[in-house]
């Protein structure tokens, strides 16, 4: 495993040169942030040794290097999901490679369904914590001490320092910025109304099919993490609308300016 991580990292380093200390993973319909990056290098996933290839509409499949908010960053335009058939080691492999390349701070974004009664479609939610309902943990199996401890703490999986920074930016700009707990499920089905109610009862505010495995591995590797969800649909016992992937993409696109503003300004302040 370590040999594979290092081989992939060395290939990327050979193609790019200087490596950033900050990375961003862009979720469904949120790839437009790339248009705000002053790009210096792009690498298609399929050209990177041992790298998975995204099969989901709305995930472009490029590793991008450039400057955002004056900070040199790496951005994944498209991520990998458990429901695509990848195992958890493959889903989180890019995070391992990022760490091997020297990344210290990871921003993750996603499109999510909301069950918090205060949420509206198009809201941006800062992830304060998560509930892992995936059937497999990405750290299951042999632990390599070079990558992180056998039993990593998850008491602060999302950096309180970065959450405070986002709140300050939102307050200064008059942005409606929500906070909440993200529930991670395997998908690919959208949730039933009963499932939405269950997730709300156990403490969730939004639900999606990504992010949690990546954040677990990032914490295992000692990275500082900031997570944000765009609320693209609402669910619960009183909601009758039927969500679709196309509608989720459209809602995410509408919310992109807010997410882009917050992340760009955070990059400038790091």
C-alpha atoms as a PDB file:
ATOM      1  CA  UNK A   1       0.000   0.000   0.000  1.00  0.00           C
ATOM      2  CA  UNK A   2       2.714   2.464   1.004  1.00  0.00           C
ATOM      3  CA  UNK A   3       4.699   1.628  -2.111  1.00  0.00           C
ATOM      4  CA  UNK A   4       1.642   2.349  -4.278  1.00  0.00           C
ATOM      5  CA  UNK A   5       0.986   5.659  -2.524  1.00  0.00           C
ATOM      6  CA  UNK A   6       4.597   6.727  -2.962  1.00  0.00           C
ATOM      7  CA  UNK A   7       4.678   5.656  -6.621  1.00  0.00           C
ATOM      8  CA  UNK A   8       1.600   7.750  -7.401  1.00  0.00           C
ATOM      9  CA  UNK A   9       2.933  10.696  -5.401  1.00  0.00           C
ATOM     10  CA  UNK A  10       6.260  10.575  -7.205  1.00  0.00           C
ATOM     11  CA  UNK A  11       4.544  10.594 -10.602  1.00  0.00           C
ATOM     12  CA  UNK A  12       2.480  13.659  -9.678  1.00  0.00           C
ATOM     13  CA  UNK A  13       5.542  15.413  -8.278  1.00  0.00           C
ATOM     14  CA  UNK A  14       7.449  14.673 -11.483  1.00  0.00           C
ATOM     15  CA  UNK A  15       4.667  16.284 -13.543  1.00  0.00           C
ATOM     16  CA  UNK A  16       4.102  19.337 -11.353  1.00  0.00           C
ATOM     17  CA  UNK A  17       7.213  20.162  -9.370  1.00  0.00           C
ATOM     18  CA  UNK A  18       6.430  22.306  -6.330  1.00  0.00           C
ATOM     19  CA  UNK A  19       3.711  20.799  -4.151  1.00  0.00           C
ATOM     20  CA  UNK A  20       1.020  22.768  -2.296  1.00  0.00           C
ATOM     21  CA  UNK A  21       0.205  22.421   1.394  1.00  0.00           C
ATOM     22  CA  UNK A  22      -3.549  22.848   0.848  1.00  0.00           C
ATOM     23  CA  UNK A  23      -6.002  20.683  -1.111  1.00  0.00           C
ATOM     24  CA  UNK A  24      -9.693  20.859  -2.040  1.00  0.00           C
ATOM     25  CA  UNK A  25     -12.051  18.002  -2.964  1.00  0.00           C
ATOM     26  CA  UNK A  26     -14.983  19.210  -5.066  1.00  0.00           C
ATOM     27  CA  UNK A  27     -18.250  17.292  -4.994  1.00  0.00           C
ATOM     28  CA  UNK A  28     -21.284  16.921  -7.265  1.00  0.00           C
ATOM     29  CA  UNK A  29     -22.086  20.080  -9.214  1.00  0.00           C
ATOM     30  CA  UNK A  30     -19.439  22.075  -7.360  1.00  0.00           C
ATOM     31  CA  UNK A  31     -16.662  21.957  -9.921  1.00  0.00           C
ATOM     32  CA  UNK A  32     -17.139  25.604 -10.883  1.00  0.00           C
ATOM     33  CA  UNK A  33     -14.752  26.646  -8.130  1.00  0.00           C
ATOM     34  CA  UNK A  34     -12.056  25.559 -10.557  1.00  0.00           C
ATOM     35  CA  UNK A  35     -12.956  28.564 -12.751  1.00  0.00           C
ATOM     36  CA  UNK A  36     -11.649  30.793  -9.967  1.00  0.00           C
ATOM     37  CA  UNK A  37      -8.306  29.026  -9.750  1.00  0.00           C
ATOM     38  CA  UNK A  38      -5.341  30.467 -11.620  1.00  0.00           C
ATOM     39  CA  UNK A  39      -4.388  27.080 -13.058  1.00  0.00           C
ATOM     40  CA  UNK A  40      -0.758  26.186 -13.613  1.00  0.00           C
ATOM     41  CA  UNK A  41      -1.170  22.434 -14.254  1.00  0.00           C
ATOM     42  CA  UNK A  42      -3.935  19.884 -14.910  1.00  0.00           C
ATOM     43  CA  UNK A  43      -3.612  16.089 -14.830  1.00  0.00           C
ATOM     44  CA  UNK A  44      -6.393  13.739 -15.953  1.00  0.00           C
ATOM     45  CA  UNK A  45      -7.045  10.994 -13.414  1.00  0.00           C
ATOM     46  CA  UNK A  46      -6.714   8.266 -16.033  1.00  0.00           C
ATOM     47  CA  UNK A  47      -3.092   9.235 -16.664  1.00  0.00           C
ATOM     48  CA  UNK A  48      -2.075   8.957 -12.981  1.00  0.00           C
ATOM     49  CA  UNK A  49      -0.676   5.539 -11.975  1.00  0.00           C
ATOM     50  CA  UNK A  50      -2.974   3.561  -9.625  1.00  0.00           C
ATOM     51  CA  UNK A  51      -5.478   6.441  -9.447  1.00  0.00           C
ATOM     52  CA  UNK A  52      -9.195   5.563  -9.654  1.00  0.00           C
ATOM     53  CA  UNK A  53     -11.380   7.161 -12.356  1.00  0.00           C
ATOM     54  CA  UNK A  54     -14.693   8.818 -11.460  1.00  0.00           C
ATOM     55  CA  UNK A  55     -17.781   7.370 -13.167  1.00  0.00           C
ATOM     56  CA  UNK A  56     -20.363   9.889 -11.901  1.00  0.00           C
ATOM     57  CA  UNK A  57     -21.942  12.635 -14.002  1.00  0.00           C
ATOM     58  CA  UNK A  58     -20.812  16.026 -12.704  1.00  0.00           C
ATOM     59  CA  UNK A  59     -17.368  14.737 -11.676  1.00  0.00           C
ATOM     60  CA  UNK A  60     -14.806  15.771 -14.295  1.00  0.00           C
ATOM     61  CA  UNK A  61     -11.858  13.671 -13.170  1.00  0.00           C
ATOM     62  CA  UNK A  62      -8.934  16.097 -13.062  1.00  0.00           C
ATOM     63  CA  UNK A  63      -6.245  16.954 -10.564  1.00  0.00           C
ATOM     64  CA  UNK A  64      -5.670  20.694 -10.767  1.00  0.00           C
ATOM     65  CA  UNK A  65      -2.823  22.844  -9.450  1.00  0.00           C
ATOM     66  CA  UNK A  66      -2.907  26.611  -9.201  1.00  0.00           C
ATOM     67  CA  UNK A  67      -3.662  29.602  -7.008  1.00  0.00           C
ATOM     68  CA  UNK A  68      -6.908  30.444  -5.221  1.00  0.00           C
ATOM     69  CA  UNK A  69      -7.188  33.454  -2.945  1.00  0.00           C
ATOM     70  CA  UNK A  70      -3.458  33.906  -3.387  1.00  0.00           C
ATOM     71  CA  UNK A  71      -2.718  30.420  -2.027  1.00  0.00           C
ATOM     72  CA  UNK A  72      -1.131  27.617  -4.015  1.00  0.00           C
ATOM     73  CA  UNK A  73      -3.498  24.645  -3.905  1.00  0.00           C
ATOM     74  CA  UNK A  74      -4.310  21.239  -5.343  1.00  0.00           C
ATOM     75  CA  UNK A  75      -7.947  20.569  -6.312  1.00  0.00           C
ATOM     76  CA  UNK A  76      -9.691  17.304  -7.100  1.00  0.00           C
ATOM     77  CA  UNK A  77     -12.371  18.038  -9.685  1.00  0.00           C
ATOM     78  CA  UNK A  78     -14.381  14.892  -9.066  1.00  0.00           C
ATOM     79  CA  UNK A  79     -14.134  12.344  -6.267  1.00  0.00           C
ATOM     80  CA  UNK A  80     -14.693   8.604  -5.827  1.00  0.00           C
ATOM     81  CA  UNK A  81     -17.620   6.947  -4.082  1.00  0.00           C
ATOM     82  CA  UNK A  82     -18.180   3.640  -2.347  1.00  0.00           C
ATOM     83  CA  UNK A  83     -21.381   3.133  -4.365  1.00  0.00           C
ATOM     84  CA  UNK A  84     -19.386   3.156  -7.604  1.00  0.00           C
ATOM     85  CA  UNK A  85     -17.936  -0.193  -6.578  1.00  0.00           C
ATOM     86  CA  UNK A  86     -14.636   1.033  -5.186  1.00  0.00           C
ATOM     87  CA  UNK A  87     -13.519  -0.266  -1.817  1.00  0.00           C
ATOM     88  CA  UNK A  88     -12.715   2.203   0.939  1.00  0.00           C
ATOM     89  CA  UNK A  89      -8.977   2.046   0.298  1.00  0.00           C
ATOM     90  CA  UNK A  90      -9.606   3.201  -3.291  1.00  0.00           C
ATOM     91  CA  UNK A  91     -12.123   5.871  -2.270  1.00  0.00           C
ATOM     92  CA  UNK A  92      -9.597   7.427   0.095  1.00  0.00           C
ATOM     93  CA  UNK A  93      -6.449   6.737  -1.902  1.00  0.00           C
ATOM     94  CA  UNK A  94      -6.207  10.352  -3.182  1.00  0.00           C
ATOM     95  CA  UNK A  95      -6.130  11.630   0.418  1.00  0.00           C
ATOM     96  CA  UNK A  96      -3.236   9.295   1.164  1.00  0.00           C
ATOM     97  CA  UNK A  97      -1.418  10.604  -1.898  1.00  0.00           C
ATOM     98  CA  UNK A  98      -2.100  14.208  -0.850  1.00  0.00           C
ATOM     99  CA  UNK A  99      -0.484  13.534   2.517  1.00  0.00           C
ATOM    100  CA  UNK A 100       2.517  11.926   0.830  1.00  0.00           C
ATOM    101  CA  UNK A 101       2.846  15.084  -1.288  1.00  0.00           C
ATOM    102  CA  UNK A 102       2.893  17.276   1.825  1.00  0.00           C
ATOM    103  CA  UNK A 103      -0.715  18.491   2.076  1.00  0.00           C
ATOM    104  CA  UNK A 104      -1.517  19.693   5.603  1.00  0.00           C
ATOM    105  CA  UNK A 105      -4.981  21.262   5.193  1.00  0.00           C
ATOM    106  CA  UNK A 106      -7.905  19.625   3.373  1.00  0.00           C
ATOM    107  CA  UNK A 107     -11.143  21.297   2.257  1.00  0.00           C
ATOM    108  CA  UNK A 108     -13.982  18.935   1.339  1.00  0.00           C
ATOM    109  CA  UNK A 109     -17.287  19.891  -0.265  1.00  0.00           C
ATOM    110  CA  UNK A 110     -20.394  17.986  -1.224  1.00  0.00           C
ATOM    111  CA  UNK A 111     -24.032  18.214  -2.248  1.00  0.00           C
ATOM    112  CA  UNK A 112     -26.335  16.962   0.499  1.00  0.00           C
ATOM    113  CA  UNK A 113     -29.971  16.438   1.338  1.00  0.00           C
ATOM    114  CA  UNK A 114     -31.200  18.420   4.316  1.00  0.00           C
ATOM    115  CA  UNK A 115     -33.458  17.222   7.122  1.00  0.00           C
ATOM    116  CA  UNK A 116     -32.929  20.151   9.498  1.00  0.00           C
ATOM    117  CA  UNK A 117     -36.250  22.011   9.518  1.00  0.00           C
ATOM    118  CA  UNK A 118     -34.429  25.362   9.368  1.00  0.00           C
ATOM    119  CA  UNK A 119     -32.671  24.539   6.110  1.00  0.00           C
ATOM    120  CA  UNK A 120     -33.682  25.731   2.646  1.00  0.00           C
ATOM    121  CA  UNK A 121     -32.585  24.450  -0.745  1.00  0.00           C
ATOM    122  CA  UNK A 122     -29.458  26.371  -1.717  1.00  0.00           C
ATOM    123  CA  UNK A 123     -28.197  26.842   1.851  1.00  0.00           C
ATOM    124  CA  UNK A 124     -24.521  26.286   2.554  1.00  0.00           C
ATOM    125  CA  UNK A 125     -23.822  24.230   5.679  1.00  0.00           C
ATOM    126  CA  UNK A 126     -20.480  24.130   7.449  1.00  0.00           C
ATOM    127  CA  UNK A 127     -19.944  20.565   8.667  1.00  0.00           C
ATOM    128  CA  UNK A 128     -19.287  20.585  12.412  1.00  0.00           C
ATOM    129  CA  UNK A 129     -19.301  16.804  12.880  1.00  0.00           C
ATOM    130  CA  UNK A 130     -20.413  13.639  11.132  1.00  0.00           C
ATOM    131  CA  UNK A 131     -22.154  10.317  11.712  1.00  0.00           C
ATOM    132  CA  UNK A 132     -20.585   7.415   9.848  1.00  0.00           C
ATOM    133  CA  UNK A 133     -23.205   4.978   8.529  1.00  0.00           C
ATOM    134  CA  UNK A 134     -21.036   3.462   5.811  1.00  0.00           C
ATOM    135  CA  UNK A 135     -20.823  -0.340   6.025  1.00  0.00           C
ATOM    136  CA  UNK A 136     -17.028  -0.259   6.080  1.00  0.00           C
ATOM    137  CA  UNK A 137     -14.423   1.960   7.747  1.00  0.00           C
ATOM    138  CA  UNK A 138     -11.528   3.060   5.502  1.00  0.00           C
ATOM    139  CA  UNK A 139      -9.085   2.238   8.324  1.00  0.00           C
ATOM    140  CA  UNK A 140     -10.221  -1.385   8.558  1.00  0.00           C
ATOM    141  CA  UNK A 141      -7.361  -3.837   8.086  1.00  0.00           C
ATOM    142  CA  UNK A 142      -3.668  -3.571   8.750  1.00  0.00           C
ATOM    143  CA  UNK A 143      -2.546  -0.231  10.154  1.00  0.00           C
ATOM    144  CA  UNK A 144       0.671   1.326   8.891  1.00  0.00           C
ATOM    145  CA  UNK A 145       2.194   3.509  11.593  1.00  0.00           C
ATOM    146  CA  UNK A 146       3.827   5.588   8.864  1.00  0.00           C
ATOM    147  CA  UNK A 147       0.328   6.684   7.829  1.00  0.00           C
ATOM    148  CA  UNK A 148      -1.216   7.234  11.260  1.00  0.00           C
ATOM    149  CA  UNK A 149      -2.145   5.631  14.614  1.00  0.00           C
ATOM    150  CA  UNK A 150      -4.147   2.396  14.967  1.00  0.00           C
ATOM    151  CA  UNK A 151      -6.929   4.158  16.928  1.00  0.00           C
ATOM    152  CA  UNK A 152      -7.124   7.809  15.817  1.00  0.00           C
ATOM    153  CA  UNK A 153      -9.230  10.240  17.862  1.00  0.00           C
ATOM    154  CA  UNK A 154     -12.252  11.733  16.107  1.00  0.00           C
ATOM    155  CA  UNK A 155     -13.191  14.314  18.719  1.00  0.00           C
ATOM    156  CA  UNK A 156     -12.555  17.207  16.312  1.00  0.00           C
ATOM    157  CA  UNK A 157     -12.729  15.793  12.783  1.00  0.00           C
ATOM    158  CA  UNK A 158     -13.555  19.273  11.416  1.00  0.00           C
ATOM    159  CA  UNK A 159     -11.257  22.063  12.541  1.00  0.00           C
ATOM    160  CA  UNK A 160     -12.862  24.475  14.993  1.00  0.00           C
ATOM    161  CA  UNK A 161     -10.290  27.079  13.949  1.00  0.00           C
ATOM    162  CA  UNK A 162     -11.383  26.897  10.317  1.00  0.00           C
ATOM    163  CA  UNK A 163     -15.087  26.832  11.229  1.00  0.00           C
ATOM    164  CA  UNK A 164     -14.607  30.058  13.198  1.00  0.00           C
ATOM    165  CA  UNK A 165     -12.823  31.593  10.211  1.00  0.00           C
ATOM    166  CA  UNK A 166     -15.722  30.702   7.892  1.00  0.00           C
ATOM    167  CA  UNK A 167     -18.218  32.202  10.355  1.00  0.00           C
ATOM    168  CA  UNK A 168     -16.271  35.458  10.467  1.00  0.00           C
ATOM    169  CA  UNK A 169     -16.236  35.693   6.674  1.00  0.00           C
ATOM    170  CA  UNK A 170     -19.958  34.940   6.425  1.00  0.00           C
ATOM    171  CA  UNK A 171     -20.814  37.531   9.081  1.00  0.00           C
ATOM    172  CA  UNK A 172     -18.736  40.208   7.356  1.00  0.00           C
ATOM    173  CA  UNK A 173     -20.389  39.496   3.993  1.00  0.00           C
ATOM    174  CA  UNK A 174     -23.935  39.025   5.284  1.00  0.00           C
ATOM    175  CA  UNK A 175     -24.005  35.377   4.116  1.00  0.00           C
ATOM    176  CA  UNK A 176     -26.539  32.916   5.504  1.00  0.00           C
ATOM    177  CA  UNK A 177     -24.208  30.158   6.686  1.00  0.00           C
ATOM    178  CA  UNK A 178     -25.676  27.141   8.451  1.00  0.00           C
ATOM    179  CA  UNK A 179     -23.963  24.650  10.744  1.00  0.00           C
ATOM    180  CA  UNK A 180     -24.743  20.969  11.031  1.00  0.00           C
ATOM    181  CA  UNK A 181     -23.886  17.299  11.354  1.00  0.00           C
ATOM    182  CA  UNK A 182     -23.370  15.374   8.116  1.00  0.00           C
ATOM    183  CA  UNK A 183     -24.596  11.779   7.911  1.00  0.00           C
ATOM    184  CA  UNK A 184     -22.586   9.613   5.533  1.00  0.00           C
ATOM    185  CA  UNK A 185     -24.347   6.704   3.820  1.00  0.00           C
ATOM    186  CA  UNK A 186     -23.277   4.331   1.061  1.00  0.00           C
ATOM    187  CA  UNK A 187     -25.956   5.184  -1.560  1.00  0.00           C
ATOM    188  CA  UNK A 188     -26.639   5.160  -4.444  1.00  0.00           C
ATOM    189  CA  UNK A 189     -30.350   5.453  -3.623  1.00  0.00           C
ATOM    190  CA  UNK A 190     -31.670   8.710  -2.270  1.00  0.00           C
ATOM    191  CA  UNK A 191     -33.187   8.334   1.183  1.00  0.00           C
ATOM    192  CA  UNK A 192     -36.737   7.316   2.031  1.00  0.00           C
ATOM    193  CA  UNK A 193     -38.813   9.719   4.086  1.00  0.00           C
ATOM    194  CA  UNK A 194     -38.491   7.377   7.067  1.00  0.00           C
ATOM    195  CA  UNK A 195     -34.706   7.312   6.683  1.00  0.00           C
ATOM    196  CA  UNK A 196     -34.582  11.116   6.613  1.00  0.00           C
ATOM    197  CA  UNK A 197     -36.573  11.172   9.859  1.00  0.00           C
ATOM    198  CA  UNK A 198     -34.263   8.571  11.386  1.00  0.00           C
ATOM    199  CA  UNK A 199     -31.163  10.554  10.474  1.00  0.00           C
ATOM    200  CA  UNK A 200     -32.718  13.695  11.971  1.00  0.00           C
ATOM    201  CA  UNK A 201     -33.640  11.905  15.198  1.00  0.00           C
ATOM    202  CA  UNK A 202     -30.125  10.538  15.714  1.00  0.00           C
ATOM    203  CA  UNK A 203     -28.648  14.027  15.335  1.00  0.00           C
ATOM    204  CA  UNK A 204     -28.081  14.590  11.622  1.00  0.00           C
ATOM    205  CA  UNK A 205     -28.770  17.809   9.737  1.00  0.00           C
ATOM    206  CA  UNK A 206     -27.791  16.722   6.220  1.00  0.00           C
ATOM    207  CA  UNK A 207     -27.066  13.447   4.472  1.00  0.00           C
ATOM    208  CA  UNK A 208     -24.868  12.431   1.559  1.00  0.00           C
ATOM    209  CA  UNK A 209     -22.877   9.621  -0.021  1.00  0.00           C
ATOM    210  CA  UNK A 210     -19.303  10.880   0.346  1.00  0.00           C
ATOM    211  CA  UNK A 211     -16.908  12.931   2.503  1.00  0.00           C
ATOM    212  CA  UNK A 212     -16.902  10.848   5.708  1.00  0.00           C
ATOM    213  CA  UNK A 213     -14.338   8.252   4.504  1.00  0.00           C
ATOM    214  CA  UNK A 214     -12.063  11.020   3.200  1.00  0.00           C
ATOM    215  CA  UNK A 215     -12.295  12.939   6.466  1.00  0.00           C
ATOM    216  CA  UNK A 216     -11.555   9.845   8.553  1.00  0.00           C
ATOM    217  CA  UNK A 217      -8.393   9.176   6.544  1.00  0.00           C
ATOM    218  CA  UNK A 218      -7.377  12.848   6.614  1.00  0.00           C
ATOM    219  CA  UNK A 219      -7.669  12.853  10.406  1.00  0.00           C
ATOM    220  CA  UNK A 220      -5.754   9.576  10.577  1.00  0.00           C
ATOM    221  CA  UNK A 221      -2.997  11.294   8.586  1.00  0.00           C
ATOM    222  CA  UNK A 222      -2.966  14.362  10.854  1.00  0.00           C
ATOM    223  CA  UNK A 223      -4.506  16.852   8.420  1.00  0.00           C
ATOM    224  CA  UNK A 224      -6.619  19.849   9.432  1.00  0.00           C
ATOM    225  CA  UNK A 225     -10.035  19.536   7.763  1.00  0.00           C
ATOM    226  CA  UNK A 226     -12.795  21.956   6.757  1.00  0.00           C
ATOM    227  CA  UNK A 227     -16.025  20.589   5.314  1.00  0.00           C
ATOM    228  CA  UNK A 228     -18.979  22.262   3.635  1.00  0.00           C
ATOM    229  CA  UNK A 229     -22.254  20.948   2.209  1.00  0.00           C
ATOM    230  CA  UNK A 230     -24.571  22.605  -0.279  1.00  0.00           C
ATOM    231  CA  UNK A 231     -28.168  21.696   0.590  1.00  0.00           C
ATOM    232  CA  UNK A 232     -29.613  20.631  -2.750  1.00  0.00           C
ATOM    233  CA  UNK A 233     -32.858  18.978  -1.639  1.00  0.00           C
ATOM    234  CA  UNK A 234     -34.939  18.477   1.498  1.00  0.00           C
ATOM    235  CA  UNK A 235     -36.311  15.277   2.993  1.00  0.00           C
ATOM    236  CA  UNK A 236     -38.538  14.053   5.796  1.00  0.00           C
ATOM    237  CA  UNK A 237     -41.977  12.714   6.531  1.00  0.00           C
ATOM    238  CA  UNK A 238     -43.639  15.947   5.344  1.00  0.00           C
ATOM    239  CA  UNK A 239     -41.616  16.282   2.109  1.00  0.00           C
ATOM    240  CA  UNK A 240     -43.171  14.830  -1.043  1.00  0.00           C
ATOM    241  CA  UNK A 241     -40.767  16.123  -3.718  1.00  0.00           C
ATOM    242  CA  UNK A 242     -38.811  13.412  -5.517  1.00  0.00           C
ATOM    243  CA  UNK A 243     -35.072  14.225  -5.776  1.00  0.00           C
ATOM    244  CA  UNK A 244     -33.025  13.458  -8.896  1.00  0.00           C
ATOM    245  CA  UNK A 245     -29.334  13.710  -9.693  1.00  0.00           C
ATOM    246  CA  UNK A 246     -30.097  16.412 -12.283  1.00  0.00           C
ATOM    247  CA  UNK A 247     -31.991  18.543  -9.745  1.00  0.00           C
ATOM    248  CA  UNK A 248     -29.208  18.096  -7.218  1.00  0.00           C
ATOM    249  CA  UNK A 249     -26.675  19.344  -9.775  1.00  0.00           C
ATOM    250  CA  UNK A 250     -28.815  22.378 -10.627  1.00  0.00           C
ATOM    251  CA  UNK A 251     -29.266  23.339  -6.975  1.00  0.00           C
ATOM    252  CA  UNK A 252     -25.535  22.939  -6.334  1.00  0.00           C
ATOM    253  CA  UNK A 253     -24.687  25.226  -9.243  1.00  0.00           C
ATOM    254  CA  UNK A 254     -26.973  27.959  -7.851  1.00  0.00           C
ATOM    255  CA  UNK A 255     -25.260  27.792  -4.459  1.00  0.00           C
ATOM    256  CA  UNK A 256     -21.739  27.777  -5.846  1.00  0.00           C
ATOM    257  CA  UNK A 257     -21.074  31.530  -5.537  1.00  0.00           C
ATOM    258  CA  UNK A 258     -21.517  31.432  -1.754  1.00  0.00           C
ATOM    259  CA  UNK A 259     -19.323  28.381  -1.301  1.00  0.00           C
ATOM    260  CA  UNK A 260     -16.728  29.842  -3.675  1.00  0.00           C
ATOM    261  CA  UNK A 261     -16.675  33.159  -1.814  1.00  0.00           C
ATOM    262  CA  UNK A 262     -16.146  31.525   1.574  1.00  0.00           C
ATOM    263  CA  UNK A 263     -13.466  29.071   0.465  1.00  0.00           C
ATOM    264  CA  UNK A 264     -11.591  31.681  -1.571  1.00  0.00           C
ATOM    265  CA  UNK A 265     -11.500  34.105   1.345  1.00  0.00           C
ATOM    266  CA  UNK A 266     -10.422  31.337   3.716  1.00  0.00           C
ATOM    267  CA  UNK A 267      -7.528  30.533   1.397  1.00  0.00           C
ATOM    268  CA  UNK A 268      -6.482  34.166   1.541  1.00  0.00           C
ATOM    269  CA  UNK A 269      -6.505  34.093   5.351  1.00  0.00           C
ATOM    270  CA  UNK A 270      -4.715  30.803   5.921  1.00  0.00           C
END
